[in-house]
Amino acid sequence: MKRTFSGVHPFRPVCLRDLIVRSHAEQDAPPPADAAIWQTVKLVRMIDRGDCPRCARALGDETHPAGSRVTPCRCIPVCSGCGSHEAFTRGHLNDPAIWPMTAEMMREAGKRPARSSLPPGQVPVQGTGGWLAHGFDDPSVDEHERRGR
């Protein structure tokens, strides 16, 4: 079971699926009903292979890869480059329905100003709120996943 550094629980494909389904439902002309499922399957297979679902590069040798900020639980593993990109382009997280992103898409996202009330050059410091800081979010489910049963 893949666990991210900042995720409150191990990676759960249902978190990714729910986000993609919600994204498709919000579009003016939603794609076919099964498009969200196929996108989820594609991204889960990438994660299973050890590839970053956001950029298609290798997740790396990290024991706990970065957790994408697209979900509150941050359980979706991404490579450290994508984790940093999401951190520094706050307010402009990219929809998993369009993952994996091309280098051009990432450059465009990085050009947009991040929404922040802080003076330029200052970055807020906060804990990840993940399992490393707070332990498990659901003792019965997470304990079961942690022990591999």
Protein backbone atom coordinates (compact mmCIF):
# COMPACT_ATOMS: atom_id res chain seq x y z
CA MET A 1 0.00 0.00 0.00
CA LYS A 2 1.56 3.30 -1.12
CA ARG A 3 1.64 5.98 1.57
CA THR A 4 2.56 9.60 0.95
CA PHE A 5 4.59 11.80 3.27
CA SER A 6 1.68 14.12 3.99
CA GLY A 7 -1.34 11.88 3.43
CA VAL A 8 -3.66 11.20 6.33
CA HIS A 9 -4.11 7.61 5.12
CA PRO A 10 -2.51 5.33 2.49
CA PHE A 11 -3.38 5.96 -1.16
CA ARG A 12 -7.00 5.10 -1.83
CA PRO A 13 -8.05 5.02 -5.50
CA VAL A 14 -11.56 6.04 -4.43
CA CYS A 15 -10.22 9.48 -3.40
CA LEU A 16 -8.84 9.99 -6.89
CA ARG A 17 -11.98 8.62 -8.56
CA ASP A 18 -14.32 10.85 -6.56
CA LEU A 19 -12.30 13.94 -7.48
CA ILE A 20 -12.33 13.08 -11.20
CA VAL A 21 -16.06 12.28 -11.17
CA ARG A 22 -16.76 15.61 -9.45
CA SER A 23 -14.58 17.44 -11.97
CA HIS A 24 -16.36 15.85 -14.92
CA ALA A 25 -19.77 16.68 -13.45
CA GLU A 26 -18.82 20.38 -13.17
CA GLN A 27 -17.93 20.73 -16.86
CA ASP A 28 -20.30 22.50 -19.24
CA ALA A 29 -20.29 19.52 -21.59
CA PRO A 30 -19.45 16.51 -19.39
CA PRO A 31 -17.58 13.66 -21.09
CA PRO A 32 -19.15 10.18 -21.31
CA ALA A 33 -19.99 8.60 -17.96
CA ASP A 34 -17.22 6.02 -18.16
CA ALA A 35 -14.53 8.63 -18.95
CA ALA A 36 -13.93 9.30 -15.23
CA ILE A 37 -13.50 5.60 -14.55
CA TRP A 38 -11.02 5.16 -17.43
CA GLN A 39 -9.04 8.21 -16.29
CA THR A 40 -8.93 6.82 -12.74
CA VAL A 41 -7.79 3.39 -13.98
CA LYS A 42 -5.06 5.00 -16.10
CA LEU A 43 -3.72 7.05 -13.16
CA VAL A 44 -3.90 4.15 -10.68
CA ARG A 45 -1.94 1.97 -13.10
CA MET A 46 0.71 4.70 -13.36
CA ILE A 47 0.99 4.83 -9.56
CA ASP A 48 1.22 1.03 -9.39
CA ARG A 49 4.11 1.13 -11.91
CA GLY A 50 5.89 3.73 -9.77
CA ASP A 51 5.15 6.64 -12.11
CA CYS A 52 3.88 10.05 -11.06
CA PRO A 53 0.26 10.41 -12.18
CA ARG A 54 0.69 14.18 -12.57
CA CYS A 55 3.73 14.29 -14.91
CA ALA A 56 4.36 10.62 -15.89
CA ARG A 57 7.94 10.67 -14.55
CA ALA A 58 9.16 8.15 -11.98
CA LEU A 59 7.99 8.69 -8.41
CA GLY A 60 11.55 8.04 -7.30
CA ASP A 61 13.06 5.91 -4.57
CA GLU A 62 11.45 7.86 -1.76
CA THR A 63 9.86 5.74 0.95
CA HIS A 64 7.02 8.24 1.19
CA PRO A 65 6.53 10.36 -1.94
CA ALA A 66 4.88 13.77 -1.84
CA GLY A 67 1.10 13.88 -1.45
CA SER A 68 -0.82 15.89 -4.03
CA ARG A 69 -2.70 18.88 -2.67
CA VAL A 70 -5.72 18.25 -4.93
CA THR A 71 -7.48 16.32 -2.15
CA PRO A 72 -7.76 17.32 1.52
CA CYS A 73 -6.38 13.92 2.56
CA ARG A 74 -3.27 14.31 0.34
CA CYS A 75 -3.08 10.56 -0.25
CA ILE A 76 -2.40 10.71 -4.00
CA PRO A 77 1.35 10.12 -4.50
CA VAL A 78 3.24 12.48 -6.82
CA CYS A 79 6.96 12.92 -7.48
CA SER A 80 8.90 15.48 -5.48
CA GLY A 81 9.02 17.84 -8.48
CA CYS A 82 5.23 17.86 -8.77
CA GLY A 83 4.86 18.18 -5.00
CA SER A 84 7.05 21.29 -5.10
CA HIS A 85 5.24 22.63 -8.16
CA GLU A 86 1.88 22.32 -6.37
CA ALA A 87 3.32 23.97 -3.26
CA PHE A 88 4.57 27.01 -5.13
CA THR A 89 1.59 27.45 -7.46
CA ARG A 90 -0.95 27.56 -4.65
CA GLY A 91 -4.44 28.36 -5.78
CA HIS A 92 -3.82 26.83 -9.21
CA LEU A 93 -3.91 23.10 -8.60
CA ASN A 94 -4.42 21.11 -11.73
CA ASP A 95 -7.36 18.81 -12.17
CA PRO A 96 -6.51 15.07 -12.18
CA ALA A 97 -9.00 14.75 -15.05
CA ILE A 98 -6.26 16.27 -17.28
CA TRP A 99 -3.30 14.35 -15.81
CA PRO A 100 -0.64 13.53 -16.79
CA MET A 101 0.32 17.09 -17.60
CA THR A 102 2.79 18.12 -20.27
CA ALA A 103 5.79 20.30 -19.47
CA GLU A 104 4.04 23.18 -21.28
CA MET A 105 0.95 22.84 -19.08
CA MET A 106 3.13 22.99 -15.97
CA ARG A 107 5.00 26.05 -17.23
CA GLU A 108 1.69 27.82 -17.86
CA ALA A 109 0.45 26.97 -14.35
CA GLY A 110 3.70 28.32 -12.88
CA LYS A 111 3.26 31.69 -14.67
CA ARG A 112 -0.04 32.45 -12.97
CA PRO A 113 0.27 34.42 -9.75
CA ALA A 114 -0.59 32.45 -6.65
CA ARG A 115 -3.42 33.80 -4.56
CA SER A 116 -1.93 34.92 -1.28
CA SER A 117 -2.39 37.65 1.29
CA LEU A 118 1.31 37.54 2.22
CA PRO A 119 3.83 40.09 0.95
CA PRO A 120 5.86 38.92 -2.09
CA GLY A 121 8.63 36.52 -1.20
CA GLN A 122 7.08 35.25 2.03
CA VAL A 123 5.79 31.71 2.18
CA PRO A 124 3.54 30.52 5.00
CA VAL A 125 4.99 27.73 7.11
CA GLN A 126 2.62 25.09 8.35
CA GLY A 127 2.62 21.41 9.17
CA THR A 128 1.48 18.95 6.57
CA GLY A 129 -1.38 17.76 8.73
CA GLY A 130 -0.60 14.26 7.50
CA TRP A 131 -0.20 10.96 9.23
CA LEU A 132 3.39 11.73 10.24
CA ALA A 133 2.11 14.60 12.37
CA HIS A 134 -1.18 13.19 13.57
CA GLY A 135 -1.13 9.41 13.22
CA PHE A 136 -3.98 7.52 11.59
CA ASP A 137 -7.29 9.16 10.67
CA ASP A 138 -9.45 6.04 10.92
CA PRO A 139 -8.01 3.55 13.41
CA SER A 140 -9.88 0.50 12.12
CA VAL A 141 -9.20 1.02 8.40
CA ASP A 142 -5.71 2.49 8.65
CA GLU A 143 -4.47 0.00 11.21
CA HIS A 144 -5.67 -2.76 8.90
CA GLU A 145 -3.89 -1.17 5.90
CA ARG A 146 -0.72 -0.49 7.88
CA ARG A 147 -0.41 -4.10 8.95
CA GLY A 148 -1.12 -5.32 5.40
CA ARG A 149 -4.09 -7.48 6.28
